[in-house]
Amino acid sequence: MNVVVSNTDLDDFAGQLADAVEFLRASAEEVRRLVEFPGVSGVVLDFGIAWHDVAAQSDRFPAELIRLAGACGIALELSHYPVSDTE
């Protein structure tokens, strides 16, 4: 099952984070019910973000998102997608 939490672009990680926090605040009870549903083996909040061709790239989750996700029993994941820096 996939649920879209944010419709922001790959280059708007801050927007994705804000949307995810808002989603978890509004839907925590339903998310916990999903996590605890029989047969569900794991729930992941996956962020698709831009990966730039650089020596090192750091992307940080805010403490509030980590707290909300942990309270719901869900994992956080970053999926990096290559983008052109010339766009």
Protein backbone atom coordinates (compact mmCIF):
# COMPACT_ATOMS: atom_id res chain seq x y z
CA MET A 1 0.00 0.00 0.00
CA ASN A 2 1.32 3.47 -0.86
CA VAL A 3 0.08 6.72 0.61
CA VAL A 4 1.26 10.02 -0.83
CA VAL A 5 2.20 12.33 2.03
CA SER A 6 3.72 15.14 -0.06
CA ASN A 7 3.54 16.28 -3.66
CA THR A 8 6.62 18.50 -3.51
CA ASP A 9 9.53 18.13 -5.93
CA LEU A 10 12.69 16.14 -5.33
CA ASP A 11 14.54 19.42 -4.70
CA ASP A 12 12.15 20.47 -1.91
CA PHE A 13 13.23 18.22 0.94
CA ALA A 14 12.23 20.89 3.49
CA GLY A 15 8.71 20.92 2.01
CA GLN A 16 8.52 17.14 2.15
CA LEU A 17 9.58 17.20 5.80
CA ALA A 18 6.96 19.82 6.69
CA ASP A 19 4.25 17.85 4.86
CA ALA A 20 5.27 14.63 6.64
CA VAL A 21 5.14 16.28 10.07
CA GLU A 22 1.70 17.70 9.27
CA PHE A 23 0.52 14.29 8.01
CA LEU A 24 1.73 12.46 11.12
CA ARG A 25 0.21 15.03 13.44
CA ALA A 26 -3.16 14.69 11.70
CA SER A 27 -3.09 10.93 11.08
CA ALA A 28 -1.05 9.39 13.90
CA GLU A 29 -3.91 7.29 15.24
CA GLU A 30 -4.69 5.81 11.80
CA VAL A 31 -1.01 5.18 11.08
CA ARG A 32 -0.62 3.31 14.38
CA ARG A 33 -3.67 1.20 13.50
CA LEU A 34 -2.07 0.34 10.16
CA VAL A 35 1.26 -0.54 11.80
CA GLU A 36 -0.51 -2.84 14.28
CA PHE A 37 -2.79 -4.46 11.68
CA PRO A 38 -2.27 -8.24 11.49
CA GLY A 39 0.04 -9.19 8.63
CA VAL A 40 1.69 -5.78 8.28
CA SER A 41 5.42 -6.46 8.45
CA GLY A 42 6.67 -2.88 8.30
CA VAL A 43 5.71 0.69 7.50
CA VAL A 44 8.21 3.12 6.00
CA LEU A 45 8.00 6.83 5.31
CA ASP A 46 10.20 7.18 2.21
CA PHE A 47 11.49 10.58 1.08
CA GLY A 48 12.46 10.79 -2.58
CA ILE A 49 15.06 13.54 -2.77
CA ALA A 50 17.53 14.93 -5.27
CA TRP A 51 21.03 13.49 -5.24
CA HIS A 52 23.58 15.85 -6.67
CA ASP A 53 26.95 14.77 -8.02
CA VAL A 54 28.94 16.10 -5.07
CA ALA A 55 31.67 14.69 -2.83
CA ALA A 56 29.32 14.46 0.15
CA GLN A 57 25.62 15.07 0.65
CA SER A 58 24.00 15.35 4.06
CA ASP A 59 20.26 15.37 4.60
CA ARG A 60 18.81 15.62 8.09
CA PHE A 61 15.52 14.58 9.66
CA PRO A 62 14.21 17.03 12.28
CA ALA A 63 13.76 15.69 15.81
CA GLU A 64 10.00 16.29 15.69
CA LEU A 65 9.60 14.05 12.63
CA ILE A 66 11.72 11.34 14.24
CA ARG A 67 9.63 11.57 17.42
CA LEU A 68 6.30 11.41 15.55
CA ALA A 69 7.43 8.55 13.31
CA GLY A 70 8.83 6.60 16.25
CA ALA A 71 5.62 7.06 18.23
CA CYS A 72 3.74 5.55 15.29
CA GLY A 73 6.20 2.69 14.88
CA ILE A 74 7.32 3.63 11.38
CA ALA A 75 10.78 3.81 9.84
CA LEU A 76 12.26 6.71 7.89
CA GLU A 77 14.05 6.24 4.57
CA LEU A 78 15.82 8.47 2.04
CA SER A 79 15.74 7.51 -1.63
CA HIS A 80 18.23 9.61 -3.57
CA TYR A 81 17.56 10.24 -7.26
CA PRO A 82 20.21 11.74 -9.54
CA VAL A 83 19.37 15.12 -11.02
CA SER A 84 21.27 17.44 -13.25
CA ASP A 85 22.72 20.50 -11.51
CA THR A 86 22.41 22.41 -14.79
CA GLU A 87 18.60 22.42 -14.84
